[in-house]
PDB file of all heavy atoms in Angstrom:
ATOM      1  N   HIS A   1     197.343  74.357 320.091  1.00  0.00           N
ATOM      2  CA  HIS A   1     198.673  73.663 319.800  1.00  0.00           C
ATOM      3  C   HIS A   1     199.197  73.873 318.406  1.00  0.00           C
ATOM      4  O   HIS A   1     200.302  73.678 318.126  1.00  0.00           O
ATOM      5  CB  HIS A   1     198.457  72.176 320.116  1.00  0.00           C
ATOM      6  CG  HIS A   1     198.242  71.772 321.432  1.00  0.00           C
ATOM      7  ND1 HIS A   1     199.212  71.699 322.462  1.00  0.00           N
ATOM      8  CD2 HIS A   1     197.118  71.308 322.125  1.00  0.00           C
ATOM      9  CE1 HIS A   1     198.739  71.363 323.657  1.00  0.00           C
ATOM     10  NE2 HIS A   1     197.480  71.086 323.433  1.00  0.00           N
ATOM     11  N   PHE A   2     198.318  74.494 317.580  1.00  0.00           N
ATOM     12  CA  PHE A   2     198.692  74.730 316.161  1.00  0.00           C
ATOM     13  C   PHE A   2     199.380  76.156 316.094  1.00  0.00           C
ATOM     14  O   PHE A   2     199.244  76.987 317.106  1.00  0.00           O
ATOM     15  CB  PHE A   2     197.575  74.685 315.207  1.00  0.00           C
ATOM     16  CG  PHE A   2     197.023  73.335 315.009  1.00  0.00           C
ATOM     17  CD1 PHE A   2     196.219  72.684 315.763  1.00  0.00           C
ATOM     18  CD2 PHE A   2     197.434  72.603 313.825  1.00  0.00           C
ATOM     19  CE1 PHE A   2     195.641  71.416 315.574  1.00  0.00           C
ATOM     20  CE2 PHE A   2     197.018  71.385 313.598  1.00  0.00           C
ATOM     21  CZ  PHE A   2     196.097  70.698 314.380  1.00  0.00           C
ATOM     22  N   GLY A   3     200.072  76.385 315.070  1.00  0.00           N
ATOM     23  CA  GLY A   3     200.544  77.785 314.823  1.00  0.00           C
ATOM     24  C   GLY A   3     199.511  78.729 314.466  1.00  0.00           C
ATOM     25  O   GLY A   3     198.354  78.294 314.228  1.00  0.00           O
ATOM     26  N   ASP A   4     199.816  79.985 314.177  1.00  0.00           N
ATOM     27  CA  ASP A   4     198.834  80.966 313.828  1.00  0.00           C
ATOM     28  C   ASP A   4     198.254  80.536 312.404  1.00  0.00           C
ATOM     29  O   ASP A   4     198.932  79.910 311.615  1.00  0.00           O
ATOM     30  CB  ASP A   4     199.462  82.276 313.626  1.00  0.00           C
ATOM     31  CG  ASP A   4     199.948  82.829 315.026  1.00  0.00           C
ATOM     32  OD1 ASP A   4     199.311  82.443 316.053  1.00  0.00           O
ATOM     33  OD2 ASP A   4     200.770  83.627 315.070  1.00  0.00           O
ATOM     34  N   GLY A   5     197.046  80.931 312.080  1.00  0.00           N
ATOM     35  CA  GLY A   5     196.481  80.617 310.846  1.00  0.00           C
ATOM     36  C   GLY A   5     195.313  79.682 310.982  1.00  0.00           C
ATOM     37  O   GLY A   5     194.918  79.203 312.065  1.00  0.00           O
ATOM     38  N   PRO A   6     194.727  79.230 309.773  1.00  0.00           N
ATOM     39  CA  PRO A   6     193.552  78.463 309.875  1.00  0.00           C
ATOM     40  C   PRO A   6     193.913  77.020 310.379  1.00  0.00           C
ATOM     41  O   PRO A   6     195.030  76.555 310.109  1.00  0.00           O
ATOM     42  CB  PRO A   6     193.069  78.402 308.341  1.00  0.00           C
ATOM     43  CG  PRO A   6     194.282  78.695 307.602  1.00  0.00           C
ATOM     44  CD  PRO A   6     195.089  79.705 308.467  1.00  0.00           C
ATOM     45  N   VAL A   7     192.955  76.419 310.990  1.00  0.00           N
ATOM     46  CA  VAL A   7     193.003  74.915 311.399  1.00  0.00           C
ATOM     47  C   VAL A   7     191.782  74.272 310.697  1.00  0.00           C
ATOM     48  O   VAL A   7     190.657  74.643 311.143  1.00  0.00           O
ATOM     49  CB  VAL A   7     193.087  74.816 312.878  1.00  0.00           C
ATOM     50  CG1 VAL A   7     192.995  73.278 313.259  1.00  0.00           C
ATOM     51  CG2 VAL A   7     194.217  75.426 313.475  1.00  0.00           C
ATOM     52  N   VAL A   8     191.917  73.400 309.862  1.00  0.00           N
ATOM     53  CA  VAL A   8     190.864  72.847 308.988  1.00  0.00           C
ATOM     54  C   VAL A   8     190.733  71.404 309.351  1.00  0.00           C
ATOM     55  O   VAL A   8     191.672  70.669 309.377  1.00  0.00           O
ATOM     56  CB  VAL A   8     191.058  73.039 307.529  1.00  0.00           C
ATOM     57  CG1 VAL A   8     189.966  72.518 306.674  1.00  0.00           C
ATOM     58  CG2 VAL A   8     191.357  74.501 307.217  1.00  0.00           C
ATOM     59  N   ALA A   9     189.458  70.966 309.608  1.00  0.00           N
ATOM     60  CA  ALA A   9     189.096  69.573 309.896  1.00  0.00           C
ATOM     61  C   ALA A   9     188.408  68.930 308.683  1.00  0.00           C
ATOM     62  O   ALA A   9     187.396  69.519 308.241  1.00  0.00           O
ATOM     63  CB  ALA A   9     188.258  69.411 311.154  1.00  0.00           C
ATOM     64  N   GLY A  10     188.894  67.900 308.240  1.00  0.00           N
ATOM     65  CA  GLY A  10     188.250  67.106 307.113  1.00  0.00           C
ATOM     66  C   GLY A  10     187.106  66.358 307.681  1.00  0.00           C
ATOM     67  O   GLY A  10     186.838  66.268 308.898  1.00  0.00           O
ATOM     68  N   PRO A  11     186.250  65.884 306.760  1.00  0.00           N
ATOM     69  CA  PRO A  11     185.092  65.132 307.133  1.00  0.00           C
ATOM     70  C   PRO A  11     185.372  63.787 307.837  1.00  0.00           C
ATOM     71  O   PRO A  11     186.550  63.244 307.647  1.00  0.00           O
ATOM     72  CB  PRO A  11     184.349  64.826 305.814  1.00  0.00           C
ATOM     73  CG  PRO A  11     185.458  64.867 304.808  1.00  0.00           C
ATOM     74  CD  PRO A  11     186.437  65.861 305.251  1.00  0.00           C
ATOM     75  N   VAL A  12     184.511  63.378 308.620  1.00  0.00           N
ATOM     76  CA  VAL A  12     184.667  62.068 309.414  1.00  0.00           C
ATOM     77  C   VAL A  12     184.411  60.906 308.385  1.00  0.00           C
ATOM     78  O   VAL A  12     183.363  60.935 307.710  1.00  0.00           O
ATOM     79  CB  VAL A  12     183.735  61.898 310.581  1.00  0.00           C
ATOM     80  CG1 VAL A  12     183.888  60.563 311.190  1.00  0.00           C
ATOM     81  CG2 VAL A  12     184.122  62.993 311.574  1.00  0.00           C
ATOM     82  N   VAL A  13     185.306  59.950 308.269  1.00  0.00           N
ATOM     83  CA  VAL A  13     185.140  58.822 307.313  1.00  0.00           C
ATOM     84  C   VAL A  13     185.003  57.613 308.162  1.00  0.00           C
ATOM     85  O   VAL A  13     185.249  57.590 309.359  1.00  0.00           O
ATOM     86  CB  VAL A  13     186.308  58.738 306.356  1.00  0.00           C
ATOM     87  CG1 VAL A  13     186.381  59.910 305.429  1.00  0.00           C
ATOM     88  CG2 VAL A  13     187.662  58.643 307.064  1.00  0.00           C
ATOM     89  N   ASP A  14     184.662  56.558 307.516  1.00  0.00           N
ATOM     90  CA  ASP A  14     184.310  55.265 308.176  1.00  0.00           C
ATOM     91  C   ASP A  14     185.502  54.541 308.814  1.00  0.00           C
ATOM     92  O   ASP A  14     185.444  53.807 309.775  1.00  0.00           O
ATOM     93  CB  ASP A  14     183.587  54.250 307.267  1.00  0.00           C
ATOM     94  CG  ASP A  14     182.238  54.816 306.923  1.00  0.00           C
ATOM     95  OD1 ASP A  14     181.690  55.559 307.668  1.00  0.00           O
ATOM     96  OD2 ASP A  14     181.716  54.410 305.855  1.00  0.00           O
ATOM     97  N   HIS A  15     186.669  54.778 308.196  1.00  0.00           N
ATOM     98  CA  HIS A  15     187.959  53.918 308.648  1.00  0.00           C
ATOM     99  C   HIS A  15     189.155  54.623 308.188  1.00  0.00           C
ATOM    100  O   HIS A  15     189.104  55.526 307.324  1.00  0.00           O
ATOM    101  CB  HIS A  15     187.811  52.541 307.984  1.00  0.00           C
ATOM    102  CG  HIS A  15     188.749  51.553 308.675  1.00  0.00           C
ATOM    103  ND1 HIS A  15     190.093  51.407 308.231  1.00  0.00           N
ATOM    104  CD2 HIS A  15     188.544  50.576 309.612  1.00  0.00           C
ATOM    105  CE1 HIS A  15     190.613  50.461 308.979  1.00  0.00           C
ATOM    106  NE2 HIS A  15     189.706  49.944 309.815  1.00  0.00           N
ATOM    107  N   LEU A  16     190.187  54.272 308.841  1.00  0.00           N
ATOM    108  CA  LEU A  16     191.618  54.816 308.501  1.00  0.00           C
ATOM    109  C   LEU A  16     191.847  54.620 307.047  1.00  0.00           C
ATOM    110  O   LEU A  16     192.455  55.458 306.372  1.00  0.00           O
ATOM    111  CB  LEU A  16     192.660  54.234 309.389  1.00  0.00           C
ATOM    112  CG  LEU A  16     194.028  54.748 309.168  1.00  0.00           C
ATOM    113  CD1 LEU A  16     194.115  56.213 309.547  1.00  0.00           C
ATOM    114  CD2 LEU A  16     195.071  53.946 309.982  1.00  0.00           C
ATOM    115  N   PHE A  17     191.369  53.500 306.510  1.00  0.00           N
ATOM    116  CA  PHE A  17     191.620  53.174 305.080  1.00  0.00           C
ATOM    117  C   PHE A  17     190.976  54.287 304.181  1.00  0.00           C
ATOM    118  O   PHE A  17     191.513  54.494 303.017  1.00  0.00           O
ATOM    119  CB  PHE A  17     191.029  51.826 304.679  1.00  0.00           C
ATOM    120  CG  PHE A  17     191.713  50.683 305.272  1.00  0.00           C
ATOM    121  CD1 PHE A  17     191.079  49.517 305.340  1.00  0.00           C
ATOM    122  CD2 PHE A  17     192.999  50.799 305.699  1.00  0.00           C
ATOM    123  CE1 PHE A  17     191.752  48.339 305.838  1.00  0.00           C
ATOM    124  CE2 PHE A  17     193.677  49.687 306.289  1.00  0.00           C
ATOM    125  CZ  PHE A  17     193.115  48.439 306.296  1.00  0.00           C
ATOM    126  N   ASP A  18     189.912  54.957 304.650  1.00  0.00           N
ATOM    127  CA  ASP A  18     189.180  55.935 303.785  1.00  0.00           C
ATOM    128  C   ASP A  18     189.699  57.355 304.199  1.00  0.00           C
ATOM    129  O   ASP A  18     189.119  58.378 303.594  1.00  0.00           O
ATOM    130  CB  ASP A  18     187.698  55.841 304.165  1.00  0.00           C
ATOM    131  CG  ASP A  18     187.168  54.447 303.936  1.00  0.00           C
ATOM    132  OD1 ASP A  18     187.501  53.821 302.967  1.00  0.00           O
ATOM    133  OD2 ASP A  18     186.417  53.986 304.837  1.00  0.00           O
ATOM    134  N   ALA A  19     190.652  57.485 305.014  1.00  0.00           N
ATOM    135  CA  ALA A  19     191.183  58.800 305.445  1.00  0.00           C
ATOM    136  C   ALA A  19     191.680  59.740 304.404  1.00  0.00           C
ATOM    137  O   ALA A  19     191.851  60.910 304.607  1.00  0.00           O
ATOM    138  CB  ALA A  19     192.131  58.585 306.673  1.00  0.00           C
ATOM    139  N   THR A  20     192.043  59.033 303.266  1.00  0.00           N
ATOM    140  CA  THR A  20     192.500  59.912 302.136  1.00  0.00           C
ATOM    141  C   THR A  20     191.498  60.954 301.786  1.00  0.00           C
ATOM    142  O   THR A  20     191.890  62.111 301.462  1.00  0.00           O
ATOM    143  CB  THR A  20     192.867  59.062 300.970  1.00  0.00           C
ATOM    144  OG1 THR A  20     193.854  58.149 301.267  1.00  0.00           O
ATOM    145  CG2 THR A  20     193.391  59.919 299.743  1.00  0.00           C
ATOM    146  N   ALA A  21     190.229  60.600 301.771  1.00  0.00           N
ATOM    147  CA  ALA A  21     189.185  61.579 301.362  1.00  0.00           C
ATOM    148  C   ALA A  21     189.145  62.758 302.413  1.00  0.00           C
ATOM    149  O   ALA A  21     189.049  63.851 301.975  1.00  0.00           O
ATOM    150  CB  ALA A  21     187.899  60.962 301.357  1.00  0.00           C
ATOM    151  N   SER A  22     189.341  62.416 303.658  1.00  0.00           N
ATOM    152  CA  SER A  22     189.331  63.568 304.739  1.00  0.00           C
ATOM    153  C   SER A  22     190.659  64.345 304.547  1.00  0.00           C
ATOM    154  O   SER A  22     190.537  65.497 304.679  1.00  0.00           O
ATOM    155  CB  SER A  22     189.349  62.814 306.107  1.00  0.00           C
ATOM    156  OG  SER A  22     189.201  63.760 307.177  1.00  0.00           O
ATOM    157  N   THR A  23     191.749  63.700 304.269  1.00  0.00           N
ATOM    158  CA  THR A  23     192.961  64.390 304.072  1.00  0.00           C
ATOM    159  C   THR A  23     192.878  65.362 302.913  1.00  0.00           C
ATOM    160  O   THR A  23     193.292  66.559 302.963  1.00  0.00           O
ATOM    161  CB  THR A  23     194.139  63.392 303.822  1.00  0.00           C
ATOM    162  OG1 THR A  23     194.210  62.468 304.896  1.00  0.00           O
ATOM    163  CG2 THR A  23     195.436  64.157 303.649  1.00  0.00           C
ATOM    164  N   ARG A  24     192.332  64.895 301.841  1.00  0.00           N
ATOM    165  CA  ARG A  24     192.261  65.768 300.629  1.00  0.00           C
ATOM    166  C   ARG A  24     191.315  66.985 300.888  1.00  0.00           C
ATOM    167  O   ARG A  24     191.737  68.075 300.557  1.00  0.00           O
ATOM    168  CB  ARG A  24     191.637  64.896 299.427  1.00  0.00           C
ATOM    169  CG  ARG A  24     191.516  65.673 298.138  1.00  0.00           C
ATOM    170  CD  ARG A  24     190.976  64.817 297.068  1.00  0.00           C
ATOM    171  NE  ARG A  24     189.722  64.233 297.346  1.00  0.00           N
ATOM    172  CZ  ARG A  24     189.578  62.859 297.432  1.00  0.00           C
ATOM    173  NH1 ARG A  24     190.575  62.030 297.138  1.00  0.00           N
ATOM    174  NH2 ARG A  24     188.414  62.369 297.704  1.00  0.00           N
TER     175      ARG A  24
END
């Protein structure tokens, strides 16, 4: 479903509140 190029998955975090680390 993504366009061409890399698709990168961040690490799994404990909660949506901690998702900034996965986003970064």
